[in-house]
Amino acid sequence: MQQRLEFDSELIRRYDTSGPRYTSYPTAVQFSEAFGEAEYRAWAARSNQAAGRRPLSLYFHIPFCNTVCFYCACNKVITANRKRAQPYLDHLYREIRLQGELFDRERPVEQLHWGGGTPTFISQDQMRELMAVTAEHFNLLDDDTGEYSIEIDPREADASTIALLRELGFNRLSLGVQDFDPKVQKAVNRIQSEAETRAVLDAAREQGFRSTSLDLIYGLPLQTVDSFSRTLEKVIEMDPARLSIFNYAHLPQMFKSQRQIDAAQLPSPDEKLAILGHTIERLTDAGYVYIGMDHFAKPDDELAVAQREGTLYRNFQGYSTHADCDLVAMGATSISKVGDSYSQNLKALDAYAEALDAGRLPVFRGIELDADDILRREVITRLICNFELDYAAIEDKYGIDFKAYFASSLQALAPFQADGLLELEAAGIRVLPRGRLLIRNICMQFDRYLQGGRPERFSKVI
């Protein structure tokens, strides 16, 4: 496939509504507290008994941060007291043991991720212990073939940290940057020098990390096209394999820390759109290809290769090359995908600890997918990962007549075709370069849970 992208500001303005990011389908909005620990255990048992048992993907949520970034919408605990991490880790170890008992020890862990918060908030001894406890209860790979990744705040890591992470088995990392402009950094309470970022990136390359990614955010206070372009030039010069360019969604009514941001300093919608347009143009000129949903990569990166080969996948950590794993997520607020089910852990640290002290898994809500959910998830995943869909492949796998089953969805896509966003061909759907930024809008036409409305519960698509 051609991994091109066209930026059409008029079309983006017309289609810039709110909608899901589709890290799962159904989305977390549909999770119910009718799904709890018993249901999760049942799905884990089924996953062990299934023919061709899937490998595992493990996620660990480390919620602590030393300081608050005002834009942040993550589940986090802001504290300068490093001693708070150990009680949390002790409970995380209990969860690891409980989860490890549910899954066949022979199932390999092909994917592992530490997220946050700031995973490197914990000490190096604690990092060693967390990985050692994980290895006691799960079958970690020791040949560097897995996709083992971690999120890094360059202010919380140095060369020795990176060396330890490589020793522990990590081979991919993403670095939070957001913006190098001092005025923007002050406005969002994240003071981070270019030198700090470069030092961690250089250390990762010296240690043989297979993939490096930098995260930027557009739409932050005081940003302009000129100011963000200066950050972009510095980032391009650093030459990461991947870049994530996230849209800042200002939702102070939902996220308390965002109330510290002066809304009057936010760029106007037109300026924000211009920042995005310039970013796309510059990254394209620099040789990056658009993977989708804010992500860019070098053409030889694993994500870009997987997309061209039609094997790219999307889960709660974003795009991935591992489509067939059961995701076991541990830590407060983390979300698992086991079999045809999703489940989420308790969000508050005290409630999370209380459940584990009682010997219970801290699952508090989830959903079991029905046949229609599974079918629509496949359609949405193929579109959001590969920008194309073959009707016959879906029909053969699910035993349906695609055009009959999705008649209303295809009808809803007619205006998209008229606007040049996609082509409804006899054999399938092909998203055109000018429609790829609006892939969320396209996928929403296959989401039966949006048929009754309420897309405003999600962030803007651009």
Protein backbone atom coordinates (compact mmCIF):
# COMPACT_ATOMS: atom_id res chain seq x y z
CA MET A 1 0.00 0.00 0.00
CA GLN A 2 1.04 3.62 -0.47
CA GLN A 3 1.64 5.30 2.89
CA ARG A 4 0.82 8.82 1.74
CA LEU A 5 -1.15 11.48 3.54
CA GLU A 6 -2.89 14.59 2.19
CA PHE A 7 -3.80 17.52 4.42
CA ASP A 8 -7.05 19.29 3.46
CA SER A 9 -7.88 21.94 6.06
CA GLU A 10 -11.39 22.60 4.71
CA LEU A 11 -12.37 18.94 4.94
CA ILE A 12 -10.83 18.61 8.40
CA ARG A 13 -12.87 21.57 9.67
CA ARG A 14 -16.02 20.02 8.25
CA TYR A 15 -15.41 16.60 9.79
CA ASP A 16 -13.80 17.67 13.06
CA THR A 17 -16.24 16.10 15.46
CA SER A 18 -15.63 14.00 18.57
CA GLY A 19 -15.10 10.27 18.45
CA PRO A 20 -13.35 7.20 19.93
CA ARG A 21 -9.66 6.49 19.42
CA TYR A 22 -10.50 2.77 19.02
CA THR A 23 -7.75 1.31 21.15
CA SER A 24 -10.54 -1.20 21.70
CA TYR A 25 -13.95 -1.98 20.28
CA PRO A 26 -16.27 -1.78 22.09
CA THR A 27 -14.67 1.18 23.86
CA ALA A 28 -14.34 1.53 27.64
CA VAL A 29 -17.56 3.57 27.67
CA GLN A 30 -19.41 0.25 27.23
CA PHE A 31 -17.70 -1.52 30.15
CA SER A 32 -20.06 -2.67 32.91
CA GLU A 33 -19.58 -3.58 36.57
CA ALA A 34 -21.64 -6.69 35.83
CA PHE A 35 -18.31 -8.06 34.58
CA GLY A 36 -15.99 -8.76 37.52
CA GLU A 37 -13.36 -11.10 38.85
CA ALA A 38 -15.37 -14.29 38.27
CA GLU A 39 -15.96 -13.44 34.63
CA TYR A 40 -12.31 -12.55 34.14
CA ARG A 41 -11.14 -15.84 35.65
CA ALA A 42 -13.51 -17.74 33.36
CA TRP A 43 -12.11 -16.05 30.27
CA ALA A 44 -8.54 -16.73 31.43
CA ALA A 45 -9.40 -20.43 31.78
CA ARG A 46 -10.91 -20.49 28.30
CA SER A 47 -7.82 -18.83 26.86
CA ASN A 48 -5.65 -21.67 28.23
CA GLN A 49 -7.94 -24.30 26.74
CA ALA A 50 -8.26 -22.72 23.31
CA ALA A 51 -6.64 -24.45 20.36
CA GLY A 52 -3.48 -22.64 19.33
CA ARG A 53 -3.20 -20.76 22.62
CA ARG A 54 -2.20 -17.17 22.11
CA PRO A 55 1.07 -15.79 23.42
CA LEU A 56 0.79 -13.16 26.14
CA SER A 57 1.26 -9.42 26.28
CA LEU A 58 1.88 -7.90 29.73
CA TYR A 59 1.24 -4.30 30.75
CA PHE A 60 2.26 -2.76 34.08
CA HIS A 61 0.95 0.60 35.22
CA ILE A 62 3.31 2.66 37.40
CA PRO A 63 1.21 5.71 38.32
CA PHE A 64 3.73 7.95 40.12
CA CYS A 65 5.13 11.27 38.88
CA ASN A 66 7.42 13.67 40.70
CA THR A 67 5.67 16.74 39.28
CA VAL A 68 2.41 17.34 37.46
CA CYS A 69 2.30 18.24 33.77
CA PHE A 70 -0.78 20.42 33.50
CA TYR A 71 -1.93 18.90 30.19
CA CYS A 72 -1.88 15.31 31.47
CA ALA A 73 -5.04 13.19 31.33
CA CYS A 74 -3.42 9.97 32.58
CA ASN A 75 -4.21 8.17 35.83
CA LYS A 76 -1.33 9.30 38.04
CA VAL A 77 -0.22 10.08 41.60
CA ILE A 78 1.84 13.25 42.02
CA THR A 79 4.38 12.90 44.82
CA ALA A 80 8.01 13.70 45.58
CA ASN A 81 8.05 10.92 48.18
CA ARG A 82 9.73 7.94 46.53
CA LYS A 83 8.81 5.73 49.47
CA ARG A 84 5.22 5.66 48.24
CA ALA A 85 6.23 3.38 45.39
CA GLN A 86 7.13 0.32 47.49
CA PRO A 87 3.67 -0.35 49.01
CA TYR A 88 2.20 -0.08 45.51
CA LEU A 89 4.80 -2.45 44.10
CA ASP A 90 4.15 -4.94 46.92
CA HIS A 91 0.50 -5.05 45.88
CA LEU A 92 1.48 -5.22 42.21
CA TYR A 93 3.57 -8.30 43.03
CA ARG A 94 0.52 -9.90 44.61
CA GLU A 95 -1.43 -9.23 41.44
CA ILE A 96 1.37 -10.68 39.32
CA ARG A 97 1.22 -13.90 41.38
CA LEU A 98 -2.58 -14.13 41.13
CA GLN A 99 -2.50 -13.47 37.39
CA GLY A 100 0.38 -15.88 36.85
CA GLU A 101 -1.69 -18.68 38.39
CA LEU A 102 -4.36 -18.21 35.71
CA PHE A 103 -2.20 -18.65 32.62
CA ASP A 104 -0.31 -21.66 31.38
CA ARG A 105 3.38 -21.17 32.21
CA GLU A 106 4.38 -22.28 28.72
CA ARG A 107 2.68 -19.34 27.02
CA PRO A 108 5.47 -16.95 25.93
CA VAL A 109 5.34 -13.24 26.73
CA GLU A 110 5.92 -11.72 23.30
CA GLN A 111 5.05 -8.20 24.35
CA LEU A 112 5.69 -6.31 27.60
CA HIS A 113 5.17 -2.65 28.46
CA TRP A 114 5.71 -0.43 31.49
CA GLY A 115 3.56 2.69 31.38
CA GLY A 116 2.48 5.44 33.72
CA GLY A 117 2.75 7.90 35.26
CA THR A 118 6.51 7.68 35.12
CA PRO A 119 7.81 4.08 35.22
CA THR A 120 11.33 5.26 36.04
CA PHE A 121 10.01 6.95 39.19
CA ILE A 122 10.89 3.69 40.94
CA SER A 123 14.50 2.95 41.89
CA GLN A 124 16.85 0.72 39.93
CA ASP A 125 16.61 -1.96 42.63
CA GLN A 126 12.83 -1.81 42.37
CA MET A 127 13.04 -2.13 38.58
CA ARG A 128 15.15 -5.27 38.97
CA GLU A 129 12.71 -6.67 41.51
CA LEU A 130 9.65 -5.98 39.36
CA MET A 131 11.17 -7.77 36.39
CA ALA A 132 12.37 -10.65 38.58
CA VAL A 133 8.91 -11.17 40.10
CA THR A 134 7.40 -11.05 36.61
CA ALA A 135 9.85 -13.71 35.42
CA GLU A 136 8.89 -15.95 38.36
CA HIS A 137 5.29 -16.13 37.19
CA PHE A 138 5.38 -15.62 33.43
CA ASN A 139 7.46 -17.02 30.59
CA LEU A 140 9.57 -14.02 29.59
CA LEU A 141 11.67 -14.31 26.44
CA ASP A 142 15.43 -14.14 26.92
CA ASP A 143 16.47 -13.91 23.26
CA ASP A 144 15.47 -10.29 22.59
CA THR A 145 12.80 -11.32 20.07
CA GLY A 146 9.92 -9.87 22.09
CA GLU A 147 8.56 -6.34 21.90
CA TYR A 148 9.51 -5.09 25.38
CA SER A 149 8.93 -1.36 25.73
CA ILE A 150 8.83 1.40 28.32
CA GLU A 151 7.73 5.04 28.52
CA ILE A 152 10.53 7.38 29.61
CA ASP A 153 10.51 10.88 31.06
CA PRO A 154 14.05 12.10 30.21
CA ARG A 155 14.06 14.12 33.44
CA GLU A 156 13.76 10.83 35.35
CA ALA A 157 16.44 8.80 33.57
CA ASP A 158 20.13 8.88 32.69
CA ALA A 159 22.64 6.65 30.92
CA SER A 160 22.79 4.20 33.85
CA THR A 161 19.00 3.90 33.87
CA ILE A 162 18.95 3.10 30.15
CA ALA A 163 21.74 0.54 30.55
CA LEU A 164 19.79 -1.20 33.31
CA LEU A 165 16.58 -1.24 31.26
CA ARG A 166 18.43 -2.86 28.37
CA GLU A 167 19.91 -5.42 30.76
CA LEU A 168 16.40 -6.20 32.02
CA GLY A 169 15.26 -7.00 28.48
CA PHE A 170 13.72 -3.77 27.20
CA ASN A 171 14.44 -3.11 23.53
CA ARG A 172 12.06 -0.23 22.72
CA LEU A 173 11.37 3.06 24.42
CA SER A 174 9.33 6.19 23.92
CA LEU A 175 10.46 9.56 25.25
CA GLY A 176 8.06 12.29 26.29
CA VAL A 177 9.07 15.65 24.81
CA GLN A 178 5.82 17.54 24.05
CA ASP A 179 7.59 20.83 23.16
CA PHE A 180 11.07 22.32 23.55
CA ASP A 181 9.91 25.94 23.64
CA PRO A 182 10.71 27.36 27.14
CA LYS A 183 7.54 29.47 27.25
CA VAL A 184 5.33 26.51 26.39
CA GLN A 185 7.15 24.31 28.91
CA LYS A 186 6.58 26.87 31.65
CA ALA A 187 2.90 27.18 30.75
CA VAL A 188 2.37 23.41 31.14
CA ASN A 189 4.79 22.93 34.07
CA ARG A 190 7.16 20.60 32.24
CA ILE A 191 10.66 22.04 32.12
CA GLN A 192 12.82 19.71 30.07
CA SER A 193 15.96 20.60 28.16
CA GLU A 194 16.92 19.43 24.73
CA ALA A 195 20.19 18.14 26.21
CA GLU A 196 18.35 15.86 28.69
CA THR A 197 16.31 14.35 25.88
CA ARG A 198 19.27 13.89 23.58
CA ALA A 199 21.35 12.24 26.33
CA VAL A 200 18.71 9.57 26.94
CA LEU A 201 18.19 9.01 23.22
CA ASP A 202 21.92 8.66 22.62
CA ALA A 203 22.21 6.23 25.55
CA ALA A 204 19.39 4.10 24.11
CA ARG A 205 21.20 3.86 20.79
CA GLU A 206 24.48 3.00 22.47
CA GLN A 207 22.76 0.22 24.41
CA GLY A 208 21.21 -1.26 21.29
CA PHE A 209 17.54 -0.40 21.74
CA ARG A 210 15.82 -1.53 18.53
CA SER A 211 13.30 1.31 18.35
CA THR A 212 13.14 4.84 19.73
CA SER A 213 10.09 7.09 19.66
CA LEU A 214 9.50 10.70 20.66
CA ASP A 215 6.13 12.10 21.77
CA LEU A 216 5.03 15.64 20.91
CA ILE A 217 1.76 17.47 21.64
CA TYR A 218 0.23 20.19 19.49
CA GLY A 219 -2.41 22.61 20.77
CA LEU A 220 -0.62 23.51 24.02
CA PRO A 221 -0.70 27.10 25.36
CA LEU A 222 1.49 29.66 23.57
CA GLN A 223 2.25 27.35 20.66
CA THR A 224 2.41 28.82 17.16
CA VAL A 225 3.36 27.36 13.81
CA ASP A 226 6.77 29.04 14.09
CA SER A 227 7.45 27.95 17.66
CA PHE A 228 6.39 24.35 17.07
CA SER A 229 8.39 24.18 13.84
CA ARG A 230 11.54 24.95 15.85
CA THR A 231 10.78 22.02 18.15
CA LEU A 232 10.08 19.86 15.13
CA GLU A 233 13.43 20.67 13.53
CA LYS A 234 15.27 19.69 16.71
CA VAL A 235 13.31 16.43 16.89
CA ILE A 236 13.93 15.56 13.25
CA GLU A 237 17.64 16.18 13.79
CA MET A 238 17.53 13.65 16.66
CA ASP A 239 16.32 11.10 14.07
CA PRO A 240 13.98 8.83 16.10
CA ALA A 241 12.51 5.80 14.33
CA ARG A 242 8.99 6.84 15.33
CA LEU A 243 7.12 9.98 16.29
CA SER A 244 3.77 10.44 17.99
CA ILE A 245 2.15 13.85 17.45
CA PHE A 246 -0.79 14.05 19.84
CA ASN A 247 -3.63 16.53 19.82
CA TYR A 248 -4.09 18.30 23.15
CA ALA A 249 -7.71 17.99 24.28
CA HIS A 250 -8.50 20.69 26.83
CA LEU A 251 -11.07 19.11 29.16
CA PRO A 252 -10.60 20.82 32.55
CA GLN A 253 -14.02 19.63 33.71
CA MET A 254 -12.70 16.05 33.50
CA PHE A 255 -9.02 16.45 34.36
CA LYS A 256 -8.20 18.57 37.39
CA SER A 257 -4.60 19.36 36.43
CA GLN A 258 -5.76 21.00 33.20
CA ARG A 259 -7.46 23.71 35.26
CA GLN A 260 -3.98 25.13 35.79
CA ILE A 261 -3.77 25.98 32.08
CA ASP A 262 -4.83 29.45 30.98
CA ALA A 263 -7.37 28.73 28.24
CA ALA A 264 -6.78 32.20 26.80
CA GLN A 265 -3.24 31.11 25.89
CA LEU A 266 -4.35 28.09 23.86
CA PRO A 267 -3.83 28.43 20.10
CA SER A 268 -6.96 29.17 18.08
CA PRO A 269 -8.53 26.30 16.11
CA ASP A 270 -7.08 27.75 12.89
CA GLU A 271 -3.58 28.07 14.39
CA LYS A 272 -3.80 24.56 15.79
CA LEU A 273 -4.79 23.20 12.40
CA ALA A 274 -1.94 25.11 10.77
CA ILE A 275 0.50 23.56 13.25
CA LEU A 276 -0.73 20.10 12.28
CA GLY A 277 -0.54 20.87 8.57
CA HIS A 278 3.03 22.13 8.81
CA THR A 279 4.02 19.14 10.96
CA ILE A 280 2.69 16.65 8.41
CA GLU A 281 4.45 18.45 5.55
CA ARG A 282 7.76 18.63 7.40
CA LEU A 283 7.73 15.02 8.58
CA THR A 284 6.86 13.82 5.08
CA ASP A 285 9.77 15.83 3.67
CA ALA A 286 12.01 14.26 6.34
CA GLY A 287 11.11 10.76 5.13
CA TYR A 288 8.54 9.68 7.72
CA VAL A 289 5.36 7.87 6.69
CA TYR A 290 1.98 8.21 8.35
CA ILE A 291 0.97 5.09 10.26
CA GLY A 292 -2.28 6.55 11.53
CA MET A 293 -3.83 8.08 14.65
CA ASP A 294 -1.00 10.56 15.39
CA HIS A 295 1.82 8.10 14.60
CA PHE A 296 4.64 8.49 12.07
CA ALA A 297 7.55 6.13 11.41
CA LYS A 298 10.57 5.66 9.18
CA PRO A 299 9.72 3.45 6.16
CA ASP A 300 11.93 0.62 7.46
CA ASP A 301 10.45 0.66 10.98
CA GLU A 302 8.52 -2.45 12.08
CA LEU A 303 5.22 -0.56 12.21
CA ALA A 304 5.60 0.77 8.67
CA VAL A 305 6.59 -2.66 7.36
CA ALA A 306 3.67 -4.35 9.16
CA GLN A 307 1.25 -1.82 7.71
CA ARG A 308 2.48 -2.44 4.17
CA GLU A 309 2.16 -6.20 4.75
CA GLY A 310 -1.34 -5.88 6.21
CA THR A 311 -0.38 -7.26 9.64
CA LEU A 312 -0.50 -4.09 11.75
CA TYR A 313 -2.64 -4.23 14.90
CA ARG A 314 -3.95 -1.73 17.45
CA ASN A 315 -4.46 -2.19 21.19
CA PHE A 316 -4.50 -0.14 24.41
CA GLN A 317 -0.82 0.75 23.98
CA GLY A 318 -1.36 1.95 20.41
CA TYR A 319 -0.12 0.34 17.19
CA SER A 320 1.63 -3.00 17.45
CA THR A 321 3.07 -5.79 15.33
CA HIS A 322 1.67 -8.45 17.70
CA ALA A 323 -1.96 -9.06 16.82
CA ASP A 324 -2.57 -12.45 18.38
CA CYS A 325 -1.70 -11.87 22.07
CA ASP A 326 -3.91 -12.00 25.13
CA LEU A 327 -3.19 -8.76 27.01
CA VAL A 328 -2.83 -9.16 30.78
CA ALA A 329 -2.71 -5.68 32.31
CA MET A 330 -1.68 -5.16 35.92
CA GLY A 331 -1.72 -2.19 38.23
CA ALA A 332 -4.39 0.35 39.10
CA THR A 333 -6.74 1.36 36.25
CA SER A 334 -5.08 -0.95 33.69
CA ILE A 335 -7.19 -2.66 31.00
CA SER A 336 -6.82 -6.29 29.90
CA LYS A 337 -7.97 -8.11 26.78
CA VAL A 338 -8.29 -11.85 27.34
CA GLY A 339 -10.12 -13.92 24.74
CA ASP A 340 -13.16 -11.98 23.60
CA SER A 341 -13.37 -9.88 26.73
CA TYR A 342 -12.06 -6.60 28.12
CA SER A 343 -11.65 -5.85 31.81
CA GLN A 344 -10.40 -2.94 33.88
CA ASN A 345 -8.78 -2.76 37.30
CA LEU A 346 -9.90 -0.50 40.11
CA LYS A 347 -8.65 3.06 39.66
CA ALA A 348 -8.06 4.29 43.23
CA LEU A 349 -4.88 3.01 44.86
CA ASP A 350 -6.51 2.26 48.21
CA ALA A 351 -9.31 0.24 46.58
CA TYR A 352 -6.77 -1.57 44.40
CA ALA A 353 -4.72 -2.48 47.49
CA GLU A 354 -7.78 -3.52 49.49
CA ALA A 355 -8.86 -6.04 46.85
CA LEU A 356 -5.40 -7.62 46.71
CA ASP A 357 -5.11 -7.70 50.52
CA ALA A 358 -8.30 -9.77 50.45
CA GLY A 359 -6.77 -12.15 47.90
CA ARG A 360 -8.97 -10.89 45.06
CA LEU A 361 -8.06 -9.71 41.59
CA PRO A 362 -8.85 -5.97 41.43
CA VAL A 363 -11.10 -6.25 38.34
CA PHE A 364 -14.11 -3.97 38.73
CA ARG A 365 -15.69 -3.73 35.27
CA GLY A 366 -15.48 -5.08 31.76
CA ILE A 367 -17.40 -6.51 28.83
CA GLU A 368 -17.85 -9.82 27.03
CA LEU A 369 -17.95 -9.31 23.28
CA ASP A 370 -20.85 -10.79 21.33
CA ALA A 371 -20.58 -11.98 17.72
CA ASP A 372 -21.48 -8.55 16.33
CA ASP A 373 -18.84 -6.87 18.51
CA ILE A 374 -16.16 -9.26 17.25
CA LEU A 375 -17.15 -8.70 13.63
CA ARG A 376 -17.22 -4.90 13.94
CA ARG A 377 -13.94 -4.91 15.85
CA GLU A 378 -12.30 -6.70 12.93
CA VAL A 379 -13.70 -4.20 10.43
CA ILE A 380 -12.60 -1.19 12.49
CA THR A 381 -9.16 -2.67 13.19
CA ARG A 382 -8.46 -3.37 9.53
CA LEU A 383 -9.52 0.13 8.51
CA ILE A 384 -7.64 1.95 11.26
CA CYS A 385 -4.45 -0.06 10.71
CA ASN A 386 -4.35 -0.66 6.96
CA PHE A 387 -6.69 2.00 5.49
CA GLU A 388 -8.39 -0.64 3.38
CA LEU A 389 -10.88 -3.46 3.77
CA ASP A 390 -11.57 -6.49 1.59
CA TYR A 391 -15.20 -7.58 1.76
CA ALA A 392 -14.46 -11.18 0.78
CA ALA A 393 -11.97 -11.64 3.62
CA ILE A 394 -14.60 -10.58 6.16
CA GLU A 395 -17.32 -12.64 4.50
CA ASP A 396 -15.19 -15.80 4.45
CA LYS A 397 -14.18 -15.40 8.10
CA TYR A 398 -17.58 -14.49 9.54
CA GLY A 399 -20.06 -16.06 7.10
CA ILE A 400 -21.92 -12.87 6.21
CA ASP A 401 -22.88 -10.88 3.16
CA PHE A 402 -20.89 -7.72 3.90
CA LYS A 403 -22.95 -5.30 1.84
CA ALA A 404 -26.19 -6.60 3.31
CA TYR A 405 -24.95 -6.74 6.91
CA PHE A 406 -23.43 -3.26 6.79
CA ALA A 407 -25.90 -1.64 4.40
CA SER A 408 -26.55 1.34 6.69
CA SER A 409 -22.84 1.86 7.35
CA LEU A 410 -21.99 1.84 3.65
CA GLN A 411 -24.82 4.29 3.00
CA ALA A 412 -23.41 6.56 5.72
CA LEU A 413 -20.04 6.47 3.95
CA ALA A 414 -21.45 7.80 0.67
CA PRO A 415 -20.73 11.46 1.61
CA PHE A 416 -17.17 10.45 2.53
CA GLN A 417 -16.76 9.09 -0.99
CA ALA A 418 -18.23 12.24 -2.49
CA ASP A 419 -15.67 14.29 -0.56
CA GLY A 420 -12.79 12.18 -1.82
CA LEU A 421 -11.95 10.61 1.55
CA LEU A 422 -12.41 7.03 0.40
CA GLU A 423 -13.54 4.83 -2.45
CA LEU A 424 -16.37 2.32 -2.05
CA GLU A 425 -15.27 -0.27 -4.56
CA ALA A 426 -17.03 -3.45 -5.61
CA ALA A 427 -14.54 -5.55 -3.62
CA GLY A 428 -14.01 -3.33 -0.61
CA ILE A 429 -13.20 0.03 0.93
CA ARG A 430 -10.03 2.00 0.21
CA VAL A 431 -9.25 5.06 2.32
CA LEU A 432 -7.58 7.71 0.18
CA PRO A 433 -4.62 9.86 1.33
CA ARG A 434 -6.88 12.84 2.09
CA GLY A 435 -9.13 10.64 4.26
CA ARG A 436 -6.48 9.07 6.46
CA LEU A 437 -6.40 11.87 9.03
CA LEU A 438 -10.15 11.33 9.40
CA ILE A 439 -10.00 7.56 9.85
CA ARG A 440 -11.78 7.84 13.20
CA ASN A 441 -14.79 9.39 11.44
CA ILE A 442 -14.80 6.54 8.94
CA CYS A 443 -14.59 3.86 11.63
CA MET A 444 -17.40 5.52 13.59
CA GLN A 445 -19.83 4.57 10.80
CA PHE A 446 -19.35 0.90 11.81
CA ASP A 447 -19.78 1.54 15.56
CA ARG A 448 -23.24 0.40 16.59
CA TYR A 449 -22.85 1.98 20.03
CA LEU A 450 -22.74 5.43 18.45
CA GLN A 451 -25.99 5.00 16.58
CA GLY A 452 -27.82 6.53 19.52
CA GLY A 453 -25.43 9.50 19.70
CA ARG A 454 -23.08 10.63 22.52
CA PRO A 455 -19.85 11.08 20.50
CA GLU A 456 -19.23 14.16 22.65
CA ARG A 457 -18.01 11.79 25.37
CA PHE A 458 -14.81 11.42 23.35
CA SER A 459 -12.02 13.77 22.27
CA LYS A 460 -11.99 15.65 18.96
CA VAL A 461 -10.76 13.56 16.04
CA ILE A 462 -8.19 16.22 15.05
